[in-house]
Amino acid sequence: MSPRRRRREPGAIDAPSPALRAMLMNGLSLAPAGANVVMQLSRLSVGHGVAKSRVDSGALTRHPIKRTRTTLGYILVALLGDDEDRAFVRREVNRQHQKVYSLADDAVTYSAFDPDLQLWVAACMYQGALEAVTFVYGSQSSATLDELYSCCARFATTLQVSPAQWPENREAFDTYWRTSLELIAMDDVTRSYLRDVISLSFLPKVLRIGFGPLHEFVTAGFLPEVFRQELGIAWSDALQRRFDALTRVAAVTHRVLPRRVREFPLNLVWWDTRRRLRLDRPFV
């Protein structure tokens, strides 16, 4: 297959400012990722759609490296890519999403093409990006937060969510978020699936034992209390103090690392994603 022809017209790439790009392109931003997965799957329709998906090729528990690559690639294309990049990724993701829908005898109805569910997932991803930026770099100006919010709209609009459905500004988003928290719910299907994810039970034993407890602790620490309660995770002031100390040390250490080290593994995923887009190779 011949490489995809790239068009580079003036103004075609609506990329974030260099300052925001530097904040987004940091490997430590993956620390809240486990918590963000929990948040996304805390709507029954999303949780069942993932836990009971018949698309084994993209399942995190079966193909963790591939799923991580495609998820991070999607995030980076949404944030850093141009319209052509996002159109390519949209086609690739839609090809997989065609197979994600509930059957007549399923207890929960779901479809990967439901724009309301996609809006919820994108809203969680925005919250994750906001958490990552403030966790590593501290409080930001209103201008930076507005730019971040504008960029993160593409988490939603890269798929089936129309620009009009994305809340107009951060204040409107806060209203949407508070209302949406009333809709979160888990059952045994999603709760069991998420507990396996945060304990890394799908990894080889040596990795599960070595990293599972830390991943559980960090995931719980980044979760808002309402999600912890739904998942059945106990938290305390002592655990919060330990979590705060850990994240402070991690953030300070991260900021003094060389740029290429700070950006890993996102820089590697972005290079691979751009290569796939340039050569028209499968993304998902």
C-alpha atoms as a PDB file:
ATOM      1  CA  MET A   1       0.000   0.000   0.000  1.00  0.00           C
ATOM      2  CA  SER A   2       1.409   3.388  -0.960  1.00  0.00           C
ATOM      3  CA  PRO A   3       2.105   5.941   1.758  1.00  0.00           C
ATOM      4  CA  ARG A   4      -0.705   8.351   2.507  1.00  0.00           C
ATOM      5  CA  ARG A   5      -0.124  11.716   0.824  1.00  0.00           C
ATOM      6  CA  ARG A   6       0.236  14.476   3.417  1.00  0.00           C
ATOM      7  CA  ARG A   7      -1.158  17.948   2.785  1.00  0.00           C
ATOM      8  CA  ARG A   8       0.446  20.711   4.786  1.00  0.00           C
ATOM      9  CA  GLU A   9      -1.532  23.874   4.199  1.00  0.00           C
ATOM     10  CA  PRO A  10      -0.864  27.054   6.208  1.00  0.00           C
ATOM     11  CA  GLY A  11      -2.819  26.950   9.444  1.00  0.00           C
ATOM     12  CA  ALA A  12      -3.970  23.352   8.930  1.00  0.00           C
ATOM     13  CA  ILE A  13      -2.452  22.081  12.179  1.00  0.00           C
ATOM     14  CA  ASP A  14      -4.333  23.443  15.174  1.00  0.00           C
ATOM     15  CA  ALA A  15      -1.649  22.323  17.616  1.00  0.00           C
ATOM     16  CA  PRO A  16      -1.425  23.466  21.226  1.00  0.00           C
ATOM     17  CA  SER A  17       1.035  26.198  22.140  1.00  0.00           C
ATOM     18  CA  PRO A  18       4.620  25.062  22.799  1.00  0.00           C
ATOM     19  CA  ALA A  19       4.152  25.624  26.536  1.00  0.00           C
ATOM     20  CA  LEU A  20       1.027  23.483  26.735  1.00  0.00           C
ATOM     21  CA  ARG A  21       2.503  20.847  24.442  1.00  0.00           C
ATOM     22  CA  ALA A  22       5.473  20.501  26.805  1.00  0.00           C
ATOM     23  CA  MET A  23       3.111  19.977  29.725  1.00  0.00           C
ATOM     24  CA  LEU A  24       1.022  17.421  27.849  1.00  0.00           C
ATOM     25  CA  MET A  25       3.996  15.489  26.484  1.00  0.00           C
ATOM     26  CA  ASN A  26       5.233  14.136  29.819  1.00  0.00           C
ATOM     27  CA  GLY A  27       5.435  10.496  30.779  1.00  0.00           C
ATOM     28  CA  LEU A  28       4.363  11.133  34.351  1.00  0.00           C
ATOM     29  CA  SER A  29       0.948  12.133  33.006  1.00  0.00           C
ATOM     30  CA  LEU A  30       0.277   8.393  32.756  1.00  0.00           C
ATOM     31  CA  ALA A  31       0.187   8.103  36.546  1.00  0.00           C
ATOM     32  CA  PRO A  32      -3.561   8.897  36.747  1.00  0.00           C
ATOM     33  CA  ALA A  33      -4.344   6.615  33.780  1.00  0.00           C
ATOM     34  CA  GLY A  34      -5.649   3.728  35.874  1.00  0.00           C
ATOM     35  CA  ALA A  35      -7.979   6.043  37.750  1.00  0.00           C
ATOM     36  CA  ASN A  36      -9.190   7.480  34.458  1.00  0.00           C
ATOM     37  CA  VAL A  37     -10.081   4.021  33.141  1.00  0.00           C
ATOM     38  CA  VAL A  38     -12.157   3.448  36.279  1.00  0.00           C
ATOM     39  CA  MET A  39     -13.939   6.764  35.767  1.00  0.00           C
ATOM     40  CA  GLN A  40     -14.721   6.063  32.116  1.00  0.00           C
ATOM     41  CA  LEU A  41     -16.175   2.626  32.896  1.00  0.00           C
ATOM     42  CA  SER A  42     -18.253   3.912  35.818  1.00  0.00           C
ATOM     43  CA  ARG A  43     -21.296   4.239  33.599  1.00  0.00           C
ATOM     44  CA  LEU A  44     -22.961   0.843  33.245  1.00  0.00           C
ATOM     45  CA  SER A  45     -23.262   1.069  29.464  1.00  0.00           C
ATOM     46  CA  VAL A  46     -19.578   1.910  29.057  1.00  0.00           C
ATOM     47  CA  GLY A  47     -18.484  -0.659  31.625  1.00  0.00           C
ATOM     48  CA  HIS A  48     -20.436  -3.463  29.997  1.00  0.00           C
ATOM     49  CA  GLY A  49     -19.376  -2.354  26.529  1.00  0.00           C
ATOM     50  CA  VAL A  50     -15.725  -2.805  27.493  1.00  0.00           C
ATOM     51  CA  ALA A  51     -15.972  -5.743  29.892  1.00  0.00           C
ATOM     52  CA  LYS A  52     -18.170  -7.783  27.530  1.00  0.00           C
ATOM     53  CA  SER A  53     -16.667  -6.609  24.246  1.00  0.00           C
ATOM     54  CA  ARG A  54     -16.412  -9.271  21.555  1.00  0.00           C
ATOM     55  CA  VAL A  55     -13.420  -7.470  19.981  1.00  0.00           C
ATOM     56  CA  ASP A  56     -10.655  -9.500  21.620  1.00  0.00           C
ATOM     57  CA  SER A  57      -7.932  -7.936  19.479  1.00  0.00           C
ATOM     58  CA  GLY A  58      -8.282  -4.654  21.351  1.00  0.00           C
ATOM     59  CA  ALA A  59      -8.902  -5.943  24.871  1.00  0.00           C
ATOM     60  CA  LEU A  60      -6.593  -4.520  27.522  1.00  0.00           C
ATOM     61  CA  THR A  61      -6.574  -7.752  29.514  1.00  0.00           C
ATOM     62  CA  ARG A  62      -5.600  -9.809  26.452  1.00  0.00           C
ATOM     63  CA  HIS A  63      -3.338  -7.416  24.573  1.00  0.00           C
ATOM     64  CA  PRO A  64      -2.134  -4.821  27.115  1.00  0.00           C
ATOM     65  CA  ILE A  65       0.728  -3.445  25.021  1.00  0.00           C
ATOM     66  CA  LYS A  66      -1.361  -3.020  21.874  1.00  0.00           C
ATOM     67  CA  ARG A  67      -4.297  -1.489  23.761  1.00  0.00           C
ATOM     68  CA  THR A  68      -1.993   0.916  25.582  1.00  0.00           C
ATOM     69  CA  ARG A  69      -0.349   1.919  22.297  1.00  0.00           C
ATOM     70  CA  THR A  70      -3.647   2.572  20.528  1.00  0.00           C
ATOM     71  CA  THR A  71      -5.151   4.457  23.483  1.00  0.00           C
ATOM     72  CA  LEU A  72      -2.124   6.714  23.859  1.00  0.00           C
ATOM     73  CA  GLY A  73      -1.934   7.115  20.094  1.00  0.00           C
ATOM     74  CA  TYR A  74      -5.549   8.265  20.002  1.00  0.00           C
ATOM     75  CA  ILE A  75      -4.919  10.775  22.793  1.00  0.00           C
ATOM     76  CA  LEU A  76      -1.831  12.173  21.072  1.00  0.00           C
ATOM     77  CA  VAL A  77      -3.528  12.451  17.668  1.00  0.00           C
ATOM     78  CA  ALA A  78      -6.474  14.239  19.272  1.00  0.00           C
ATOM     79  CA  LEU A  79      -4.207  16.695  21.078  1.00  0.00           C
ATOM     80  CA  LEU A  80      -1.318  17.152  18.647  1.00  0.00           C
ATOM     81  CA  GLY A  81      -2.518  15.976  15.230  1.00  0.00           C
ATOM     82  CA  ASP A  82      -4.262  17.862  12.457  1.00  0.00           C
ATOM     83  CA  ASP A  83      -7.689  17.292  10.903  1.00  0.00           C
ATOM     84  CA  GLU A  84      -6.329  14.759   8.428  1.00  0.00           C
ATOM     85  CA  ASP A  85      -4.681  12.761  11.204  1.00  0.00           C
ATOM     86  CA  ARG A  86      -7.893  12.708  13.195  1.00  0.00           C
ATOM     87  CA  ALA A  87      -9.964  11.667  10.189  1.00  0.00           C
ATOM     88  CA  PHE A  88      -7.648   8.703   9.629  1.00  0.00           C
ATOM     89  CA  VAL A  89      -7.810   7.639  13.269  1.00  0.00           C
ATOM     90  CA  ARG A  90     -11.602   8.104  13.307  1.00  0.00           C
ATOM     91  CA  ARG A  91     -11.957   5.642  10.428  1.00  0.00           C
ATOM     92  CA  GLU A  92      -9.686   3.137  12.146  1.00  0.00           C
ATOM     93  CA  VAL A  93     -11.471   3.354  15.503  1.00  0.00           C
ATOM     94  CA  ASN A  94     -14.929   3.256  13.933  1.00  0.00           C
ATOM     95  CA  ARG A  95     -13.982   0.059  12.142  1.00  0.00           C
ATOM     96  CA  GLN A  96     -13.504  -1.585  15.546  1.00  0.00           C
ATOM     97  CA  HIS A  97     -16.430   0.157  17.218  1.00  0.00           C
ATOM     98  CA  GLN A  98     -18.819  -1.326  14.651  1.00  0.00           C
ATOM     99  CA  LYS A  99     -18.485  -4.603  16.540  1.00  0.00           C
ATOM    100  CA  VAL A 100     -19.180  -3.144  20.005  1.00  0.00           C
ATOM    101  CA  TYR A 101     -22.906  -3.236  20.746  1.00  0.00           C
ATOM    102  CA  SER A 102     -25.223  -5.086  23.102  1.00  0.00           C
ATOM    103  CA  LEU A 103     -27.241  -8.129  22.116  1.00  0.00           C
ATOM    104  CA  ALA A 104     -30.959  -8.654  22.649  1.00  0.00           C
ATOM    105  CA  ASP A 105     -30.489 -10.717  25.833  1.00  0.00           C
ATOM    106  CA  ASP A 106     -27.884  -8.424  27.445  1.00  0.00           C
ATOM    107  CA  ALA A 107     -28.888  -6.885  30.765  1.00  0.00           C
ATOM    108  CA  VAL A 108     -27.386  -3.504  29.812  1.00  0.00           C
ATOM    109  CA  THR A 109     -27.840  -1.766  26.474  1.00  0.00           C
ATOM    110  CA  TYR A 110     -24.755  -0.193  24.938  1.00  0.00           C
ATOM    111  CA  SER A 111     -23.246   0.900  21.645  1.00  0.00           C
ATOM    112  CA  ALA A 112     -19.785   2.275  20.957  1.00  0.00           C
ATOM    113  CA  PHE A 113     -21.413   4.775  18.576  1.00  0.00           C
ATOM    114  CA  ASP A 114     -23.593   6.357  21.266  1.00  0.00           C
ATOM    115  CA  PRO A 115     -22.491  10.044  21.290  1.00  0.00           C
ATOM    116  CA  ASP A 116     -23.677  10.540  24.885  1.00  0.00           C
ATOM    117  CA  LEU A 117     -21.433   7.719  26.091  1.00  0.00           C
ATOM    118  CA  GLN A 118     -18.564   9.006  23.958  1.00  0.00           C
ATOM    119  CA  LEU A 119     -19.063  12.434  25.501  1.00  0.00           C
ATOM    120  CA  TRP A 120     -18.796  10.911  28.976  1.00  0.00           C
ATOM    121  CA  VAL A 121     -15.591   9.060  28.086  1.00  0.00           C
ATOM    122  CA  ALA A 122     -14.108  12.210  26.554  1.00  0.00           C
ATOM    123  CA  ALA A 123     -15.097  14.216  29.638  1.00  0.00           C
ATOM    124  CA  CYS A 124     -13.224  11.733  31.818  1.00  0.00           C
ATOM    125  CA  MET A 125     -10.204  12.000  29.530  1.00  0.00           C
ATOM    126  CA  TYR A 126     -10.268  15.783  29.885  1.00  0.00           C
ATOM    127  CA  GLN A 127     -10.395  15.413  33.660  1.00  0.00           C
ATOM    128  CA  GLY A 128      -7.408  13.089  33.392  1.00  0.00           C
ATOM    129  CA  ALA A 129      -5.440  15.587  31.292  1.00  0.00           C
ATOM    130  CA  LEU A 130      -6.276  18.368  33.742  1.00  0.00           C
ATOM    131  CA  GLU A 131      -5.223  16.171  36.664  1.00  0.00           C
ATOM    132  CA  ALA A 132      -1.962  15.275  34.941  1.00  0.00           C
ATOM    133  CA  VAL A 133      -1.015  18.882  34.161  1.00  0.00           C
ATOM    134  CA  THR A 134      -1.765  20.212  37.642  1.00  0.00           C
ATOM    135  CA  PHE A 135      -0.245  17.181  39.377  1.00  0.00           C
ATOM    136  CA  VAL A 136       3.096  17.611  37.612  1.00  0.00           C
ATOM    137  CA  TYR A 137       3.244  21.379  37.052  1.00  0.00           C
ATOM    138  CA  GLY A 138       0.966  22.847  39.712  1.00  0.00           C
ATOM    139  CA  SER A 139      -1.769  25.436  39.365  1.00  0.00           C
ATOM    140  CA  GLN A 140      -2.093  27.082  35.947  1.00  0.00           C
ATOM    141  CA  SER A 141      -3.407  30.390  34.634  1.00  0.00           C
ATOM    142  CA  SER A 142      -6.958  30.687  33.331  1.00  0.00           C
ATOM    143  CA  ALA A 143      -5.569  31.177  29.814  1.00  0.00           C
ATOM    144  CA  THR A 144      -3.644  27.892  29.984  1.00  0.00           C
ATOM    145  CA  LEU A 145      -6.645  26.052  31.416  1.00  0.00           C
ATOM    146  CA  ASP A 146      -8.880  27.469  28.689  1.00  0.00           C
ATOM    147  CA  GLU A 147      -6.444  26.320  26.023  1.00  0.00           C
ATOM    148  CA  LEU A 148      -6.224  22.879  27.591  1.00  0.00           C
ATOM    149  CA  TYR A 149     -10.005  22.632  27.655  1.00  0.00           C
ATOM    150  CA  SER A 150     -10.259  23.658  24.005  1.00  0.00           C
ATOM    151  CA  CYS A 151      -7.682  21.055  22.952  1.00  0.00           C
ATOM    152  CA  CYS A 152      -9.367  18.312  24.955  1.00  0.00           C
ATOM    153  CA  ALA A 153     -12.656  18.882  23.130  1.00  0.00           C
ATOM    154  CA  ARG A 154     -11.063  16.830  20.374  1.00  0.00           C
ATOM    155  CA  PHE A 155     -11.194  13.726  22.588  1.00  0.00           C
ATOM    156  CA  ALA A 156     -14.920  13.879  21.852  1.00  0.00           C
ATOM    157  CA  THR A 157     -15.143  15.447  18.398  1.00  0.00           C
ATOM    158  CA  THR A 158     -12.577  13.084  16.873  1.00  0.00           C
ATOM    159  CA  LEU A 159     -15.356  10.484  17.071  1.00  0.00           C
ATOM    160  CA  GLN A 160     -19.157  10.948  16.922  1.00  0.00           C
ATOM    161  CA  VAL A 161     -19.614  13.862  19.328  1.00  0.00           C
ATOM    162  CA  SER A 162     -20.462  17.095  17.531  1.00  0.00           C
ATOM    163  CA  PRO A 163     -18.728  20.340  18.588  1.00  0.00           C
ATOM    164  CA  ALA A 164     -22.110  21.635  19.782  1.00  0.00           C
ATOM    165  CA  GLN A 165     -22.387  18.736  22.251  1.00  0.00           C
ATOM    166  CA  TRP A 166     -19.099  19.560  23.965  1.00  0.00           C
ATOM    167  CA  PRO A 167     -19.797  22.043  26.793  1.00  0.00           C
ATOM    168  CA  GLU A 168     -19.053  25.564  25.587  1.00  0.00           C
ATOM    169  CA  ASN A 169     -16.548  26.471  28.297  1.00  0.00           C
ATOM    170  CA  ARG A 170     -15.081  25.237  31.565  1.00  0.00           C
ATOM    171  CA  GLU A 171     -17.984  26.574  33.596  1.00  0.00           C
ATOM    172  CA  ALA A 172     -20.469  24.723  31.385  1.00  0.00           C
ATOM    173  CA  PHE A 173     -18.329  21.616  31.680  1.00  0.00           C
ATOM    174  CA  ASP A 174     -18.420  21.792  35.477  1.00  0.00           C
ATOM    175  CA  THR A 175     -22.216  21.788  35.305  1.00  0.00           C
ATOM    176  CA  TYR A 176     -22.196  18.818  32.928  1.00  0.00           C
ATOM    177  CA  TRP A 177     -19.737  16.969  35.172  1.00  0.00           C
ATOM    178  CA  ARG A 178     -21.728  17.465  38.386  1.00  0.00           C
ATOM    179  CA  THR A 179     -24.877  16.247  36.650  1.00  0.00           C
ATOM    180  CA  SER A 180     -23.099  13.268  35.116  1.00  0.00           C
ATOM    181  CA  LEU A 181     -21.723  12.102  38.469  1.00  0.00           C
ATOM    182  CA  GLU A 182     -25.302  11.278  39.421  1.00  0.00           C
ATOM    183  CA  LEU A 183     -25.339   8.680  36.640  1.00  0.00           C
ATOM    184  CA  ILE A 184     -22.281   6.666  37.623  1.00  0.00           C
ATOM    185  CA  ALA A 185     -22.987   3.096  38.657  1.00  0.00           C
ATOM    186  CA  MET A 186     -21.221  -0.246  38.749  1.00  0.00           C
ATOM    187  CA  ASP A 187     -22.436  -3.813  39.009  1.00  0.00           C
ATOM    188  CA  ASP A 188     -20.589  -7.093  39.531  1.00  0.00           C
ATOM    189  CA  VAL A 189     -19.561  -7.194  35.859  1.00  0.00           C
ATOM    190  CA  THR A 190     -17.801  -3.831  35.766  1.00  0.00           C
ATOM    191  CA  ARG A 191     -16.582  -3.948  39.357  1.00  0.00           C
ATOM    192  CA  SER A 192     -14.885  -7.316  38.816  1.00  0.00           C
ATOM    193  CA  TYR A 193     -13.377  -6.184  35.523  1.00  0.00           C
ATOM    194  CA  LEU A 194     -12.015  -2.958  37.011  1.00  0.00           C
ATOM    195  CA  ARG A 195     -10.552  -4.689  40.042  1.00  0.00           C
ATOM    196  CA  ASP A 196      -8.632  -6.967  37.681  1.00  0.00           C
ATOM    197  CA  VAL A 197      -7.422  -3.926  35.741  1.00  0.00           C
ATOM    198  CA  ILE A 198      -6.169  -1.933  38.718  1.00  0.00           C
ATOM    199  CA  SER A 199      -4.507  -4.982  40.308  1.00  0.00           C
ATOM    200  CA  LEU A 200      -2.840  -5.788  36.954  1.00  0.00           C
ATOM    201  CA  SER A 201      -4.055  -9.373  37.312  1.00  0.00           C
ATOM    202  CA  PHE A 202      -3.777  -9.868  33.535  1.00  0.00           C
ATOM    203  CA  LEU A 203       0.004  -9.403  33.543  1.00  0.00           C
ATOM    204  CA  PRO A 204       2.578 -12.178  34.079  1.00  0.00           C
ATOM    205  CA  LYS A 205       2.952 -13.107  37.745  1.00  0.00           C
ATOM    206  CA  VAL A 206       6.314 -11.421  38.282  1.00  0.00           C
ATOM    207  CA  LEU A 207       4.981  -8.101  36.928  1.00  0.00           C
ATOM    208  CA  ARG A 208       1.693  -8.441  38.773  1.00  0.00           C
ATOM    209  CA  ILE A 209       3.447  -8.992  42.106  1.00  0.00           C
ATOM    210  CA  GLY A 210       6.036  -6.293  41.452  1.00  0.00           C
ATOM    211  CA  PHE A 211       3.764  -3.509  40.236  1.00  0.00           C
ATOM    212  CA  GLY A 212       0.207  -4.492  41.174  1.00  0.00           C
ATOM    213  CA  PRO A 213       0.122  -3.098  44.750  1.00  0.00           C
ATOM    214  CA  LEU A 214       1.679   0.223  43.668  1.00  0.00           C
ATOM    215  CA  HIS A 215      -0.742   0.537  40.753  1.00  0.00           C
ATOM    216  CA  GLU A 216      -3.704  -0.128  43.053  1.00  0.00           C
ATOM    217  CA  PHE A 217      -2.484   2.503  45.509  1.00  0.00           C
ATOM    218  CA  VAL A 218      -1.808   5.166  42.861  1.00  0.00           C
ATOM    219  CA  THR A 219      -5.103   4.462  41.089  1.00  0.00           C
ATOM    220  CA  ALA A 220      -7.057   4.789  44.332  1.00  0.00           C
ATOM    221  CA  GLY A 221      -5.207   7.983  45.198  1.00  0.00           C
ATOM    222  CA  PHE A 222      -6.120   9.700  41.954  1.00  0.00           C
ATOM    223  CA  LEU A 223      -9.774   8.620  42.089  1.00  0.00           C
ATOM    224  CA  PRO A 224     -12.358  11.091  43.406  1.00  0.00           C
ATOM    225  CA  GLU A 225     -14.101   9.663  46.467  1.00  0.00           C
ATOM    226  CA  VAL A 226     -17.400   9.027  44.684  1.00  0.00           C
ATOM    227  CA  PHE A 227     -15.657   6.578  42.330  1.00  0.00           C
ATOM    228  CA  ARG A 228     -13.777   4.896  45.178  1.00  0.00           C
ATOM    229  CA  GLN A 229     -17.059   4.279  46.961  1.00  0.00           C
ATOM    230  CA  GLU A 230     -18.679   2.815  43.844  1.00  0.00           C
ATOM    231  CA  LEU A 231     -15.724   0.499  43.346  1.00  0.00           C
ATOM    232  CA  GLY A 232     -15.617  -0.428  47.036  1.00  0.00           C
ATOM    233  CA  ILE A 233     -12.150   0.960  47.803  1.00  0.00           C
ATOM    234  CA  ALA A 234     -11.498   2.095  51.360  1.00  0.00           C
ATOM    235  CA  TRP A 235      -9.396   5.253  51.798  1.00  0.00           C
ATOM    236  CA  SER A 236      -8.104   7.083  54.854  1.00  0.00           C
ATOM    237  CA  ASP A 237      -6.294  10.256  55.888  1.00  0.00           C
ATOM    238  CA  ALA A 238      -3.113   8.226  56.426  1.00  0.00           C
ATOM    239  CA  LEU A 239      -3.291   6.799  52.897  1.00  0.00           C
ATOM    240  CA  GLN A 240      -3.929  10.284  51.537  1.00  0.00           C
ATOM    241  CA  ARG A 241      -0.805  11.614  53.272  1.00  0.00           C
ATOM    242  CA  ARG A 242       1.280   8.786  51.804  1.00  0.00           C
ATOM    243  CA  PHE A 243      -0.167   9.442  48.369  1.00  0.00           C
ATOM    244  CA  ASP A 244       0.489  13.190  48.592  1.00  0.00           C
ATOM    245  CA  ALA A 245       4.109  12.575  49.625  1.00  0.00           C
ATOM    246  CA  LEU A 246       4.647  10.100  46.777  1.00  0.00           C
ATOM    247  CA  THR A 247       3.201  12.398  44.123  1.00  0.00           C
ATOM    248  CA  ARG A 248       5.175  15.424  45.373  1.00  0.00           C
ATOM    249  CA  VAL A 249       8.459  13.523  45.124  1.00  0.00           C
ATOM    250  CA  ALA A 250       7.526  12.116  41.709  1.00  0.00           C
ATOM    251  CA  ALA A 251       6.615  15.547  40.322  1.00  0.00           C
ATOM    252  CA  VAL A 252       9.766  17.262  41.621  1.00  0.00           C
ATOM    253  CA  THR A 253      11.979  14.459  40.296  1.00  0.00           C
ATOM    254  CA  HIS A 254      10.237  14.455  36.940  1.00  0.00           C
ATOM    255  CA  ARG A 255      10.736  18.176  36.347  1.00  0.00           C
ATOM    256  CA  VAL A 256      14.545  17.925  36.539  1.00  0.00           C
ATOM    257  CA  LEU A 257      14.901  14.997  34.142  1.00  0.00           C
ATOM    258  CA  PRO A 258      16.209  15.519  30.580  1.00  0.00           C
ATOM    259  CA  ARG A 259      13.412  16.328  28.130  1.00  0.00           C
ATOM    260  CA  ARG A 260      13.547  13.039  26.222  1.00  0.00           C
ATOM    261  CA  VAL A 261      13.356  11.102  29.464  1.00  0.00           C
ATOM    262  CA  ARG A 262      10.450  13.251  30.712  1.00  0.00           C
ATOM    263  CA  GLU A 263       8.550  12.608  27.501  1.00  0.00           C
ATOM    264  CA  PHE A 264       9.006   8.824  27.474  1.00  0.00           C
ATOM    265  CA  PRO A 265       7.008   6.746  26.533  1.00  0.00           C
ATOM    266  CA  LEU A 266       4.737   9.334  24.891  1.00  0.00           C
ATOM    267  CA  ASN A 267       7.481  10.438  22.500  1.00  0.00           C
ATOM    268  CA  LEU A 268       7.931   6.833  21.372  1.00  0.00           C
ATOM    269  CA  VAL A 269       4.180   6.327  20.901  1.00  0.00           C
ATOM    270  CA  TRP A 270       3.890   9.616  18.982  1.00  0.00           C
ATOM    271  CA  TRP A 271       6.758   8.628  16.676  1.00  0.00           C
ATOM    272  CA  ASP A 272       5.150   5.224  16.030  1.00  0.00           C
ATOM    273  CA  THR A 273       1.719   6.769  15.483  1.00  0.00           C
ATOM    274  CA  ARG A 274       3.042   9.318  13.002  1.00  0.00           C
ATOM    275  CA  ARG A 275       4.851   6.526  11.162  1.00  0.00           C
ATOM    276  CA  ARG A 276       1.635   4.504  10.905  1.00  0.00           C
ATOM    277  CA  LEU A 277      -0.292   7.512   9.644  1.00  0.00           C
ATOM    278  CA  ARG A 278       2.397   8.421   7.113  1.00  0.00           C
ATOM    279  CA  LEU A 279       2.630   4.883   5.720  1.00  0.00           C
ATOM    280  CA  ASP A 280      -1.129   4.243   5.938  1.00  0.00           C
ATOM    281  CA  ARG A 281      -0.574   1.260   8.195  1.00  0.00           C
ATOM    282  CA  PRO A 282      -3.254  -0.070  10.583  1.00  0.00           C
ATOM    283  CA  PHE A 283      -3.646   2.041  13.697  1.00  0.00           C
ATOM    284  CA  VAL A 284      -5.899  -0.286  15.692  1.00  0.00           C
END
